[in-house]
């Protein structure tokens, strides 16, 4: 059984060895000439303008978190919709299970909406 995976193990060992040797050689043989210009921070090749520590509104992170939560729930909904016809012969349990799931999702959405988490000020 292990002999079937031997070529894959060899590829991983060769790739890891190449990465390790490349890192060591560049560290040992590479030029080290530090200067003030090299040590200066930059953003995408452009010199820094202003303070880099700007404060973001917490609403930005809240909207991003809510998007991820609702997006993940849509990921659960898609496979159910694909195999729905196959499960109809098993009875209505799968349909009612998804209705409960969607009701919980709708309740969460209404809760977030009423608390004003989706309002941008």
PDB file of N, CA and C in Angstrom:
ATOM      1  N   UNK A   1       0.823  -1.205   0.000  1.00  0.00           N
ATOM      2  CA  UNK A   1       0.000   0.000   0.000  1.00  0.00           C
ATOM      3  C   UNK A   1       0.862   1.262   0.000  1.00  0.00           C
ATOM      4  N   UNK A   2       1.945   1.271   0.786  1.00  0.00           N
ATOM      5  CA  UNK A   2       2.807   2.441   0.878  1.00  0.00           C
ATOM      6  C   UNK A   2       3.546   2.674  -0.434  1.00  0.00           C
ATOM      7  N   UNK A   3       3.865   1.612  -1.139  1.00  0.00           N
ATOM      8  CA  UNK A   3       4.614   1.777  -2.388  1.00  0.00           C
ATOM      9  C   UNK A   3       3.830   2.554  -3.439  1.00  0.00           C
ATOM     10  N   UNK A   4       2.493   2.609  -3.327  1.00  0.00           N
ATOM     11  CA  UNK A   4       1.689   3.413  -4.248  1.00  0.00           C
ATOM     12  C   UNK A   4       1.892   4.907  -4.014  1.00  0.00           C
ATOM     13  N   UNK A   5       2.197   5.287  -2.781  1.00  0.00           N
ATOM     14  CA  UNK A   5       2.386   6.695  -2.440  1.00  0.00           C
ATOM     15  C   UNK A   5       3.843   7.131  -2.510  1.00  0.00           C
ATOM     16  N   UNK A   6       4.733   6.233  -2.823  1.00  0.00           N
ATOM     17  CA  UNK A   6       6.160   6.558  -2.859  1.00  0.00           C
ATOM     18  C   UNK A   6       6.509   7.684  -3.834  1.00  0.00           C
ATOM     19  N   UNK A   7       5.974   7.711  -5.067  1.00  0.00           N
ATOM     20  CA  UNK A   7       6.293   8.840  -5.962  1.00  0.00           C
ATOM     21  C   UNK A   7       5.817  10.189  -5.416  1.00  0.00           C
ATOM     22  N   UNK A   8       4.674  10.205  -4.745  1.00  0.00           N
ATOM     23  CA  UNK A   8       4.168  11.463  -4.181  1.00  0.00           C
ATOM     24  C   UNK A   8       5.061  11.918  -3.042  1.00  0.00           C
ATOM     25  N   UNK A   9       5.521  10.977  -2.215  1.00  0.00           N
ATOM     26  CA  UNK A   9       6.426  11.314  -1.120  1.00  0.00           C
ATOM     27  C   UNK A   9       7.731  11.873  -1.666  1.00  0.00           C
ATOM     28  N   UNK A  10       8.229  11.289  -2.748  1.00  0.00           N
ATOM     29  CA  UNK A  10       9.463  11.782  -3.363  1.00  0.00           C
ATOM     30  C   UNK A  10       9.272  13.221  -3.859  1.00  0.00           C
ATOM     31  N   UNK A  11       8.153  13.514  -4.491  1.00  0.00           N
ATOM     32  CA  UNK A  11       7.899  14.874  -4.982  1.00  0.00           C
ATOM     33  C   UNK A  11       7.858  15.867  -3.817  1.00  0.00           C
ATOM     34  N   UNK A  12       7.185  15.504  -2.720  1.00  0.00           N
ATOM     35  CA  UNK A  12       7.133  16.394  -1.563  1.00  0.00           C
ATOM     36  C   UNK A  12       8.519  16.617  -0.961  1.00  0.00           C
ATOM     37  N   UNK A  13       9.319  15.566  -0.868  1.00  0.00           N
ATOM     38  CA  UNK A  13      10.668  15.697  -0.312  1.00  0.00           C
ATOM     39  C   UNK A  13      11.535  16.580  -1.209  1.00  0.00           C
ATOM     40  N   UNK A  14      11.447  16.391  -2.514  1.00  0.00           N
ATOM     41  CA  UNK A  14      12.231  17.206  -3.441  1.00  0.00           C
ATOM     42  C   UNK A  14      11.782  18.667  -3.377  1.00  0.00           C
ATOM     43  N   UNK A  15      10.486  18.920  -3.328  1.00  0.00           N
ATOM     44  CA  UNK A  15       9.989  20.301  -3.254  1.00  0.00           C
ATOM     45  C   UNK A  15      10.407  20.959  -1.947  1.00  0.00           C
ATOM     46  N   UNK A  16      10.264  20.251  -0.829  1.00  0.00           N
ATOM     47  CA  UNK A  16      10.671  20.814   0.463  1.00  0.00           C
ATOM     48  C   UNK A  16      12.178  21.036   0.498  1.00  0.00           C
ATOM     49  N   UNK A  17      12.945  20.094  -0.049  1.00  0.00           N
ATOM     50  CA  UNK A  17      14.400  20.255  -0.102  1.00  0.00           C
ATOM     51  C   UNK A  17      14.807  21.446  -0.948  1.00  0.00           C
ATOM     52  N   UNK A  18      14.156  21.621  -2.086  1.00  0.00           N
ATOM     53  CA  UNK A  18      14.471  22.765  -2.942  1.00  0.00           C
ATOM     54  C   UNK A  18      14.174  24.083  -2.234  1.00  0.00           C
ATOM     55  N   UNK A  19      13.024  24.153  -1.562  1.00  0.00           N
ATOM     56  CA  UNK A  19      12.682  25.375  -0.835  1.00  0.00           C
ATOM     57  C   UNK A  19      13.677  25.637   0.286  1.00  0.00           C
ATOM     58  N   UNK A  20      14.026  24.610   1.036  1.00  0.00           N
ATOM     59  CA  UNK A  20      14.960  24.761   2.148  1.00  0.00           C
ATOM     60  C   UNK A  20      16.336  25.192   1.659  1.00  0.00           C
ATOM     61  N   UNK A  21      16.846  24.536   0.624  1.00  0.00           N
ATOM     62  CA  UNK A  21      18.166  24.877   0.088  1.00  0.00           C
ATOM     63  C   UNK A  21      18.159  26.287  -0.490  1.00  0.00           C
ATOM     64  N   UNK A  22      17.101  26.676  -1.172  1.00  0.00           N
ATOM     65  CA  UNK A  22      17.017  28.031  -1.730  1.00  0.00           C
ATOM     66  C   UNK A  22      17.036  29.093  -0.634  1.00  0.00           C
ATOM     67  N   UNK A  23      16.295  28.859   0.427  1.00  0.00           N
ATOM     68  CA  UNK A  23      16.277  29.824   1.535  1.00  0.00           C
ATOM     69  C   UNK A  23      17.641  29.927   2.215  1.00  0.00           C
ATOM     70  N   UNK A  24      18.277  28.794   2.441  1.00  0.00           N
ATOM     71  CA  UNK A  24      19.584  28.806   3.102  1.00  0.00           C
ATOM     72  C   UNK A  24      20.630  29.476   2.214  1.00  0.00           C
ATOM     73  N   UNK A  25      20.641  29.139   0.924  1.00  0.00           N
ATOM     74  CA  UNK A  25      21.641  29.734   0.027  1.00  0.00           C
ATOM     75  C   UNK A  25      21.449  31.237  -0.134  1.00  0.00           C
ATOM     76  N   UNK A  26      20.230  31.701  -0.240  1.00  0.00           N
ATOM     77  CA  UNK A  26      20.033  33.146  -0.372  1.00  0.00           C
ATOM     78  C   UNK A  26      20.406  33.865   0.922  1.00  0.00           C
ATOM     79  N   UNK A  27      20.208  33.209   2.044  1.00  0.00           N
ATOM     80  CA  UNK A  27      20.594  33.829   3.316  1.00  0.00           C
ATOM     81  C   UNK A  27      22.120  33.888   3.454  1.00  0.00           C
ATOM     82  N   UNK A  28      22.810  32.833   3.010  1.00  0.00           N
ATOM     83  CA  UNK A  28      24.273  32.793   3.149  1.00  0.00           C
ATOM     84  C   UNK A  28      24.994  33.593   2.071  1.00  0.00           C
ATOM     85  N   UNK A  29      24.509  33.546   0.837  1.00  0.00           N
ATOM     86  CA  UNK A  29      25.233  34.157  -0.284  1.00  0.00           C
ATOM     87  C   UNK A  29      24.702  35.519  -0.704  1.00  0.00           C
ATOM     88  N   UNK A  30      23.529  35.898  -0.255  1.00  0.00           N
ATOM     89  CA  UNK A  30      22.923  37.146  -0.682  1.00  0.00           C
ATOM     90  C   UNK A  30      23.617  38.364  -0.089  1.00  0.00           C
ATOM     91  N   UNK A  31      23.589  39.483  -0.832  1.00  0.00           N
ATOM     92  CA  UNK A  31      24.237  40.699  -0.319  1.00  0.00           C
ATOM     93  C   UNK A  31      23.418  41.309   0.816  1.00  0.00           C
ATOM     94  N   UNK A  32      24.163  41.824   1.804  1.00  0.00           N
ATOM     95  CA  UNK A  32      23.514  42.499   2.925  1.00  0.00           C
ATOM     96  C   UNK A  32      24.101  43.895   3.035  1.00  0.00           C
ATOM     97  N   UNK A  33      23.401  44.864   2.461  1.00  0.00           N
ATOM     98  CA  UNK A  33      23.836  46.253   2.549  1.00  0.00           C
ATOM     99  C   UNK A  33      22.642  47.063   3.043  1.00  0.00           C
ATOM    100  N   UNK A  34      22.440  47.122   4.357  1.00  0.00           N
ATOM    101  CA  UNK A  34      21.292  47.890   4.863  1.00  0.00           C
ATOM    102  C   UNK A  34      21.524  49.384   4.700  1.00  0.00           C
ATOM    103  N   UNK A  35      20.463  50.080   4.371  1.00  0.00           N
ATOM    104  CA  UNK A  35      20.538  51.534   4.269  1.00  0.00           C
ATOM    105  C   UNK A  35      19.214  52.113   4.759  1.00  0.00           C
ATOM    106  N   UNK A  36      19.191  53.409   4.949  1.00  0.00           N
ATOM    107  CA  UNK A  36      17.975  54.066   5.440  1.00  0.00           C
ATOM    108  C   UNK A  36      16.834  53.914   4.437  1.00  0.00           C
ATOM    109  N   UNK A  37      17.167  53.942   3.154  1.00  0.00           N
ATOM    110  CA  UNK A  37      16.130  53.829   2.125  1.00  0.00           C
ATOM    111  C   UNK A  37      15.530  52.418   2.123  1.00  0.00           C
ATOM    112  N   UNK A  38      16.374  51.398   2.300  1.00  0.00           N
ATOM    113  CA  UNK A  38      15.868  50.025   2.301  1.00  0.00           C
ATOM    114  C   UNK A  38      15.020  49.736   3.528  1.00  0.00           C
ATOM    115  N   UNK A  39      15.316  50.362   4.637  1.00  0.00           N
ATOM    116  CA  UNK A  39      14.589  50.110   5.875  1.00  0.00           C
ATOM    117  C   UNK A  39      13.319  50.945   6.009  1.00  0.00           C
ATOM    118  N   UNK A  40      13.060  51.818   5.046  1.00  0.00           N
ATOM    119  CA  UNK A  40      11.885  52.676   5.092  1.00  0.00           C
ATOM    120  C   UNK A  40      10.625  51.903   4.686  1.00  0.00           C
ATOM    121  N   UNK A  41       9.515  52.057   5.412  1.00  0.00           N
ATOM    122  CA  UNK A  41       8.290  51.361   5.012  1.00  0.00           C
ATOM    123  C   UNK A  41       7.700  51.979   3.743  1.00  0.00           C
ATOM    124  N   UNK A  42       7.036  51.154   2.962  1.00  0.00           N
ATOM    125  CA  UNK A  42       6.358  51.643   1.762  1.00  0.00           C
ATOM    126  C   UNK A  42       5.083  50.863   1.553  1.00  0.00           C
ATOM    127  N   UNK A  43       4.192  51.429   0.783  1.00  0.00           N
ATOM    128  CA  UNK A  43       2.922  50.791   0.477  1.00  0.00           C
ATOM    129  C   UNK A  43       2.810  50.610  -1.024  1.00  0.00           C
ATOM    130  N   UNK A  44       2.938  49.401  -1.479  1.00  0.00           N
ATOM    131  CA  UNK A  44       2.822  49.044  -2.899  1.00  0.00           C
ATOM    132  C   UNK A  44       3.785  49.841  -3.762  1.00  0.00           C
ATOM    133  N   UNK A  45       4.989  50.038  -3.275  1.00  0.00           N
ATOM    134  CA  UNK A  45       5.998  50.739  -4.047  1.00  0.00           C
ATOM    135  C   UNK A  45       5.896  52.250  -3.989  1.00  0.00           C
ATOM    136  N   UNK A  46       4.939  52.778  -3.255  1.00  0.00           N
ATOM    137  CA  UNK A  46       4.751  54.228  -3.142  1.00  0.00           C
ATOM    138  C   UNK A  46       5.209  54.650  -1.757  1.00  0.00           C
ATOM    139  N   UNK A  47       5.895  55.793  -1.678  1.00  0.00           N
ATOM    140  CA  UNK A  47       6.337  56.289  -0.384  1.00  0.00           C
ATOM    141  C   UNK A  47       5.145  56.548   0.521  1.00  0.00           C
ATOM    142  N   UNK A  48       5.365  56.358   1.794  1.00  0.00           N
ATOM    143  CA  UNK A  48       4.310  56.514   2.788  1.00  0.00           C
ATOM    144  C   UNK A  48       3.875  57.975   2.882  1.00  0.00           C
ATOM    145  N   UNK A  49       2.551  58.166   2.896  1.00  0.00           N
ATOM    146  CA  UNK A  49       1.988  59.501   3.040  1.00  0.00           C
ATOM    147  C   UNK A  49       1.065  59.474   4.249  1.00  0.00           C
ATOM    148  N   UNK A  50       1.354  60.248   5.250  1.00  0.00           N
ATOM    149  CA  UNK A  50       0.502  60.314   6.425  1.00  0.00           C
ATOM    150  C   UNK A  50       0.764  59.167   7.382  1.00  0.00           C
ATOM    151  N   UNK A  51      -0.099  59.052   8.362  1.00  0.00           N
ATOM    152  CA  UNK A  51       0.022  58.029   9.379  1.00  0.00           C
ATOM    153  C   UNK A  51      -0.560  56.713   8.863  1.00  0.00           C
ATOM    154  N   UNK A  52       0.142  55.615   9.094  1.00  0.00           N
ATOM    155  CA  UNK A  52      -0.337  54.315   8.611  1.00  0.00           C
ATOM    156  C   UNK A  52      -1.344  53.694   9.556  1.00  0.00           C
ATOM    157  N   UNK A  53      -1.463  54.188  10.733  1.00  0.00           N
ATOM    158  CA  UNK A  53      -2.394  53.618  11.713  1.00  0.00           C
ATOM    159  C   UNK A  53      -3.678  54.431  11.750  1.00  0.00           C
ATOM    160  N   UNK A  54      -4.509  54.236  10.735  1.00  0.00           N
ATOM    161  CA  UNK A  54      -5.786  54.937  10.684  1.00  0.00           C
ATOM    162  C   UNK A  54      -6.824  54.081  11.405  1.00  0.00           C
ATOM    163  N   UNK A  55      -7.764  54.717  12.022  1.00  0.00           N
ATOM    164  CA  UNK A  55      -8.814  54.000  12.726  1.00  0.00           C
ATOM    165  C   UNK A  55      -9.968  53.727  11.776  1.00  0.00           C
ATOM    166  N   UNK A  56     -10.396  52.480  11.750  1.00  0.00           N
ATOM    167  CA  UNK A  56     -11.547  52.084  10.944  1.00  0.00           C
ATOM    168  C   UNK A  56     -12.770  52.018  11.841  1.00  0.00           C
ATOM    169  N   UNK A  57     -13.890  52.298  11.270  1.00  0.00           N
ATOM    170  CA  UNK A  57     -15.137  52.188  12.007  1.00  0.00           C
ATOM    171  C   UNK A  57     -15.433  50.718  12.285  1.00  0.00           C
ATOM    172  N   UNK A  58     -15.972  50.446  13.452  1.00  0.00           N
ATOM    173  CA  UNK A  58     -16.310  49.075  13.814  1.00  0.00           C
ATOM    174  C   UNK A  58     -17.422  48.529  12.930  1.00  0.00           C
ATOM    175  N   UNK A  59     -18.197  49.406  12.310  1.00  0.00           N
ATOM    176  CA  UNK A  59     -19.273  48.968  11.411  1.00  0.00           C
ATOM    177  C   UNK A  59     -18.718  48.222  10.200  1.00  0.00           C
ATOM    178  N   UNK A  60     -17.527  48.611   9.759  1.00  0.00           N
ATOM    179  CA  UNK A  60     -16.905  47.922   8.631  1.00  0.00           C
ATOM    180  C   UNK A  60     -16.690  46.448   8.971  1.00  0.00           C
ATOM    181  N   UNK A  61     -16.139  46.193  10.136  1.00  0.00           N
ATOM    182  CA  UNK A  61     -15.878  44.817  10.548  1.00  0.00           C
ATOM    183  C   UNK A  61     -17.172  44.064  10.824  1.00  0.00           C
ATOM    184  N   UNK A  62     -18.158  44.739  11.365  1.00  0.00           N
ATOM    185  CA  UNK A  62     -19.445  44.100  11.645  1.00  0.00           C
ATOM    186  C   UNK A  62     -20.132  43.673  10.346  1.00  0.00           C
ATOM    187  N   UNK A  63     -20.117  44.547   9.350  1.00  0.00           N
ATOM    188  CA  UNK A  63     -20.712  44.205   8.049  1.00  0.00           C
ATOM    189  C   UNK A  63     -19.957  43.028   7.421  1.00  0.00           C
ATOM    190  N   UNK A  64     -18.642  43.038   7.512  1.00  0.00           N
ATOM    191  CA  UNK A  64     -17.851  41.941   6.950  1.00  0.00           C
ATOM    192  C   UNK A  64     -18.166  40.628   7.655  1.00  0.00           C
ATOM    193  N   UNK A  65     -18.284  40.657   8.970  1.00  0.00           N
ATOM    194  CA  UNK A  65     -18.601  39.454   9.732  1.00  0.00           C
ATOM    195  C   UNK A  65     -19.992  38.934   9.399  1.00  0.00           C
ATOM    196  N   UNK A  66     -20.951  39.822   9.283  1.00  0.00           N
ATOM    197  CA  UNK A  66     -22.311  39.403   8.927  1.00  0.00           C
ATOM    198  C   UNK A  66     -22.354  38.817   7.516  1.00  0.00           C
ATOM    199  N   UNK A  67     -21.596  39.405   6.601  1.00  0.00           N
ATOM    200  CA  UNK A  67     -21.536  38.870   5.242  1.00  0.00           C
ATOM    201  C   UNK A  67     -20.999  37.445   5.261  1.00  0.00           C
ATOM    202  N   UNK A  68     -19.940  37.207   6.019  1.00  0.00           N
ATOM    203  CA  UNK A  68     -19.359  35.869   6.076  1.00  0.00           C
ATOM    204  C   UNK A  68     -20.350  34.876   6.671  1.00  0.00           C
ATOM    205  N   UNK A  69     -21.043  35.276   7.738  1.00  0.00           N
ATOM    206  CA  UNK A  69     -22.003  34.373   8.375  1.00  0.00           C
ATOM    207  C   UNK A  69     -23.119  33.999   7.413  1.00  0.00           C
ATOM    208  N   UNK A  70     -23.725  34.994   6.751  1.00  0.00           N
ATOM    209  CA  UNK A  70     -24.832  34.694   5.846  1.00  0.00           C
ATOM    210  C   UNK A  70     -24.343  33.989   4.583  1.00  0.00           C
ATOM    211  N   UNK A  71     -23.128  34.264   4.170  1.00  0.00           N
ATOM    212  CA  UNK A  71     -22.565  33.594   2.998  1.00  0.00           C
ATOM    213  C   UNK A  71     -22.353  32.108   3.278  1.00  0.00           C
ATOM    214  N   UNK A  72     -21.880  31.778   4.463  1.00  0.00           N
ATOM    215  CA  UNK A  72     -21.675  30.379   4.820  1.00  0.00           C
ATOM    216  C   UNK A  72     -23.014  29.639   4.872  1.00  0.00           C
ATOM    217  N   UNK A  73     -24.047  30.310   5.318  1.00  0.00           N
ATOM    218  CA  UNK A  73     -25.343  29.646   5.365  1.00  0.00           C
ATOM    219  C   UNK A  73     -25.892  29.400   3.962  1.00  0.00           C
ATOM    220  N   UNK A  74     -25.574  30.257   3.031  1.00  0.00           N
ATOM    221  CA  UNK A  74     -25.970  30.011   1.638  1.00  0.00           C
ATOM    222  C   UNK A  74     -25.210  28.803   1.090  1.00  0.00           C
ATOM    223  N   UNK A  75     -23.983  28.602   1.537  1.00  0.00           N
ATOM    224  CA  UNK A  75     -23.217  27.427   1.118  1.00  0.00           C
ATOM    225  C   UNK A  75     -23.908  26.150   1.581  1.00  0.00           C
ATOM    226  N   UNK A  76     -24.566  26.190   2.738  1.00  0.00           N
ATOM    227  CA  UNK A  76     -25.324  25.022   3.192  1.00  0.00           C
ATOM    228  C   UNK A  76     -26.618  24.857   2.394  1.00  0.00           C
ATOM    229  N   UNK A  77     -27.163  25.934   1.897  1.00  0.00           N
ATOM    230  CA  UNK A  77     -28.430  25.877   1.180  1.00  0.00           C
ATOM    231  C   UNK A  77     -28.267  25.315  -0.231  1.00  0.00           C
ATOM    232  N   UNK A  78     -27.168  25.593  -0.884  1.00  0.00           N
ATOM    233  CA  UNK A  78     -26.971  25.179  -2.273  1.00  0.00           C
ATOM    234  C   UNK A  78     -26.968  23.652  -2.458  1.00  0.00           C
ATOM    235  N   UNK A  79     -26.192  22.886  -1.673  1.00  0.00           N
ATOM    236  CA  UNK A  79     -26.232  21.428  -1.876  1.00  0.00           C
ATOM    237  C   UNK A  79     -27.611  20.832  -1.590  1.00  0.00           C
ATOM    238  N   UNK A  80     -28.312  21.408  -0.634  1.00  0.00           N
ATOM    239  CA  UNK A  80     -29.658  20.915  -0.337  1.00  0.00           C
ATOM    240  C   UNK A  80     -30.556  21.095  -1.554  1.00  0.00           C
ATOM    241  N   UNK A  81     -30.445  22.237  -2.223  1.00  0.00           N
ATOM    242  CA  UNK A  81     -31.278  22.492  -3.397  1.00  0.00           C
ATOM    243  C   UNK A  81     -30.923  21.549  -4.549  1.00  0.00           C
ATOM    244  N   UNK A  82     -29.669  21.173  -4.646  1.00  0.00           N
ATOM    245  CA  UNK A  82     -29.233  20.291  -5.735  1.00  0.00           C
ATOM    246  C   UNK A  82     -29.804  18.884  -5.568  1.00  0.00           C
ATOM    247  N   UNK A  83     -29.844  18.366  -4.347  1.00  0.00           N
ATOM    248  CA  UNK A  83     -30.293  16.991  -4.132  1.00  0.00           C
ATOM    249  C   UNK A  83     -31.725  16.923  -3.611  1.00  0.00           C
ATOM    250  N   UNK A  84     -32.459  18.003  -3.675  1.00  0.00           N
ATOM    251  CA  UNK A  84     -33.804  18.044  -3.107  1.00  0.00           C
ATOM    252  C   UNK A  84     -34.732  17.012  -3.740  1.00  0.00           C
ATOM    253  N   UNK A  85     -34.710  16.886  -5.071  1.00  0.00           N
ATOM    254  CA  UNK A  85     -35.605  15.942  -5.749  1.00  0.00           C
ATOM    255  C   UNK A  85     -35.291  14.493  -5.377  1.00  0.00           C
ATOM    256  N   UNK A  86     -34.014  14.191  -5.118  1.00  0.00           N
ATOM    257  CA  UNK A  86     -33.644  12.827  -4.744  1.00  0.00           C
ATOM    258  C   UNK A  86     -34.193  12.463  -3.367  1.00  0.00           C
ATOM    259  N   UNK A  87     -34.326  13.437  -2.471  1.00  0.00           N
ATOM    260  CA  UNK A  87     -34.780  13.177  -1.111  1.00  0.00           C
ATOM    261  C   UNK A  87     -36.291  13.274  -0.943  1.00  0.00           C
ATOM    262  N   UNK A  88     -37.011  13.657  -1.978  1.00  0.00           N
ATOM    263  CA  UNK A  88     -38.468  13.747  -1.859  1.00  0.00           C
ATOM    264  C   UNK A  88     -39.113  12.389  -1.589  1.00  0.00           C
ATOM    265  N   UNK A  89     -38.496  11.334  -2.096  1.00  0.00           N
ATOM    266  CA  UNK A  89     -39.062   9.998  -1.879  1.00  0.00           C
ATOM    267  C   UNK A  89     -38.920   9.562  -0.418  1.00  0.00           C
ATOM    268  N   UNK A  90     -38.004  10.180   0.334  1.00  0.00           N
ATOM    269  CA  UNK A  90     -37.801   9.820   1.741  1.00  0.00           C
ATOM    270  C   UNK A  90     -38.854  10.436   2.642  1.00  0.00           C
ATOM    271  N   UNK A  91     -39.641  11.349   2.130  1.00  0.00           N
ATOM    272  CA  UNK A  91     -40.678  11.983   2.945  1.00  0.00           C
ATOM    273  C   UNK A  91     -40.433  13.476   3.083  1.00  0.00           C
ATOM    274  N   UNK A  92     -41.354  14.146   3.739  1.00  0.00           N
ATOM    275  CA  UNK A  92     -41.260  15.609   3.834  1.00  0.00           C
ATOM    276  C   UNK A  92     -40.307  16.105   4.921  1.00  0.00           C
ATOM    277  N   UNK A  93     -39.627  15.192   5.622  1.00  0.00           N
ATOM    278  CA  UNK A  93     -38.761  15.612   6.725  1.00  0.00           C
ATOM    279  C   UNK A  93     -37.669  16.572   6.264  1.00  0.00           C
ATOM    280  N   UNK A  94     -37.046  16.281   5.120  1.00  0.00           N
ATOM    281  CA  UNK A  94     -35.943  17.112   4.631  1.00  0.00           C
ATOM    282  C   UNK A  94     -36.453  18.509   4.275  1.00  0.00           C
ATOM    283  N   UNK A  95     -37.647  18.582   3.717  1.00  0.00           N
ATOM    284  CA  UNK A  95     -38.207  19.888   3.378  1.00  0.00           C
ATOM    285  C   UNK A  95     -38.466  20.716   4.636  1.00  0.00           C
ATOM    286  N   UNK A  96     -39.075  20.107   5.635  1.00  0.00           N
ATOM    287  CA  UNK A  96     -39.372  20.849   6.866  1.00  0.00           C
ATOM    288  C   UNK A  96     -38.105  21.195   7.650  1.00  0.00           C
ATOM    289  N   UNK A  97     -37.109  20.350   7.544  1.00  0.00           N
ATOM    290  CA  UNK A  97     -35.831  20.655   8.173  1.00  0.00           C
ATOM    291  C   UNK A  97     -35.223  21.924   7.572  1.00  0.00           C
ATOM    292  N   UNK A  98     -35.304  22.060   6.247  1.00  0.00           N
ATOM    293  CA  UNK A  98     -34.766  23.262   5.605  1.00  0.00           C
ATOM    294  C   UNK A  98     -35.639  24.470   5.886  1.00  0.00           C
ATOM    295  N   UNK A  99     -36.942  24.278   6.028  1.00  0.00           N
ATOM    296  CA  UNK A  99     -37.820  25.398   6.396  1.00  0.00           C
ATOM    297  C   UNK A  99     -37.431  25.933   7.774  1.00  0.00           C
ATOM    298  N   UNK A 100     -37.144  25.041   8.706  1.00  0.00           N
ATOM    299  CA  UNK A 100     -36.698  25.476  10.034  1.00  0.00           C
ATOM    300  C   UNK A 100     -35.360  26.210   9.930  1.00  0.00           C
ATOM    301  N   UNK A 101     -34.438  25.691   9.134  1.00  0.00           N
ATOM    302  CA  UNK A 101     -33.144  26.343   8.938  1.00  0.00           C
ATOM    303  C   UNK A 101     -33.317  27.744   8.356  1.00  0.00           C
ATOM    304  N   UNK A 102     -34.169  27.869   7.338  1.00  0.00           N
ATOM    305  CA  UNK A 102     -34.405  29.177   6.734  1.00  0.00           C
ATOM    306  C   UNK A 102     -35.130  30.121   7.687  1.00  0.00           C
ATOM    307  N   UNK A 103     -36.004  29.588   8.549  1.00  0.00           N
ATOM    308  CA  UNK A 103     -36.680  30.427   9.540  1.00  0.00           C
ATOM    309  C   UNK A 103     -35.670  30.984  10.539  1.00  0.00           C
ATOM    310  N   UNK A 104     -34.738  30.161  10.980  1.00  0.00           N
ATOM    311  CA  UNK A 104     -33.686  30.637  11.890  1.00  0.00           C
ATOM    312  C   UNK A 104     -32.828  31.680  11.195  1.00  0.00           C
ATOM    313  N   UNK A 105     -32.497  31.449   9.929  1.00  0.00           N
ATOM    314  CA  UNK A 105     -31.716  32.414   9.162  1.00  0.00           C
ATOM    315  C   UNK A 105     -32.469  33.724   9.004  1.00  0.00           C
ATOM    316  N   UNK A 106     -33.756  33.662   8.698  1.00  0.00           N
ATOM    317  CA  UNK A 106     -34.568  34.875   8.556  1.00  0.00           C
ATOM    318  C   UNK A 106     -34.701  35.604   9.886  1.00  0.00           C
ATOM    319  N   UNK A 107     -34.858  34.861  10.975  1.00  0.00           N
ATOM    320  CA  UNK A 107     -34.935  35.483  12.298  1.00  0.00           C
ATOM    321  C   UNK A 107     -33.635  36.226  12.629  1.00  0.00           C
ATOM    322  N   UNK A 108     -32.505  35.604  12.321  1.00  0.00           N
ATOM    323  CA  UNK A 108     -31.211  36.264  12.540  1.00  0.00           C
ATOM    324  C   UNK A 108     -31.069  37.517  11.698  1.00  0.00           C
ATOM    325  N   UNK A 109     -31.540  37.458  10.453  1.00  0.00           N
ATOM    326  CA  UNK A 109     -31.453  38.631   9.581  1.00  0.00           C
ATOM    327  C   UNK A 109     -32.330  39.767  10.094  1.00  0.00           C
ATOM    328  N   UNK A 110     -33.549  39.452  10.505  1.00  0.00           N
ATOM    329  CA  UNK A 110     -34.446  40.481  11.052  1.00  0.00           C
ATOM    330  C   UNK A 110     -33.868  41.059  12.341  1.00  0.00           C
ATOM    331  N   UNK A 111     -33.276  40.223  13.180  1.00  0.00           N
ATOM    332  CA  UNK A 111     -32.662  40.681  14.422  1.00  0.00           C
ATOM    333  C   UNK A 111     -31.526  41.666  14.142  1.00  0.00           C
ATOM    334  N   UNK A 112     -30.668  41.320  13.189  1.00  0.00           N
ATOM    335  CA  UNK A 112     -29.550  42.190  12.827  1.00  0.00           C
ATOM    336  C   UNK A 112     -30.069  43.499  12.231  1.00  0.00           C
ATOM    337  N   UNK A 113     -31.083  43.403  11.403  1.00  0.00           N
ATOM    338  CA  UNK A 113     -31.639  44.585  10.750  1.00  0.00           C
ATOM    339  C   UNK A 113     -32.275  45.518  11.779  1.00  0.00           C
ATOM    340  N   UNK A 114     -33.058  44.969  12.707  1.00  0.00           N
ATOM    341  CA  UNK A 114     -33.731  45.798  13.715  1.00  0.00           C
ATOM    342  C   UNK A 114     -32.755  46.441  14.693  1.00  0.00           C
ATOM    343  N   UNK A 115     -31.639  45.783  14.974  1.00  0.00           N
ATOM    344  CA  UNK A 115     -30.650  46.367  15.874  1.00  0.00           C
ATOM    345  C   UNK A 115     -29.799  47.422  15.198  1.00  0.00           C
ATOM    346  N   UNK A 116     -29.976  47.606  13.899  1.00  0.00           N
ATOM    347  CA  UNK A 116     -29.267  48.659  13.181  1.00  0.00           C
ATOM    348  C   UNK A 116     -27.854  48.301  12.765  1.00  0.00           C
ATOM    349  N   UNK A 117     -27.527  47.022  12.764  1.00  0.00           N
ATOM    350  CA  UNK A 117     -26.163  46.614  12.398  1.00  0.00           C
ATOM    351  C   UNK A 117     -25.883  46.834  10.913  1.00  0.00           C
ATOM    352  N   UNK A 118     -26.921  46.912  10.099  1.00  0.00           N
ATOM    353  CA  UNK A 118     -26.723  47.120   8.663  1.00  0.00           C
ATOM    354  C   UNK A 118     -26.756  48.582   8.270  1.00  0.00           C
ATOM    355  N   UNK A 119     -26.964  49.471   9.227  1.00  0.00           N
ATOM    356  CA  UNK A 119     -27.000  50.916   8.954  1.00  0.00           C
ATOM    357  C   UNK A 119     -25.578  51.470   8.937  1.00  0.00           C
ATOM    358  N   UNK A 120     -25.262  52.206   7.928  1.00  0.00           N
ATOM    359  CA  UNK A 120     -23.939  52.817   7.843  1.00  0.00           C
ATOM    360  C   UNK A 120     -24.088  54.303   8.120  1.00  0.00           C
ATOM    361  N   UNK A 121     -23.360  54.793   9.119  1.00  0.00           N
ATOM    362  CA  UNK A 121     -23.495  56.201   9.514  1.00  0.00           C
ATOM    363  C   UNK A 121     -22.331  57.015   9.004  1.00  0.00           C
TER     364      UNK A 121
END
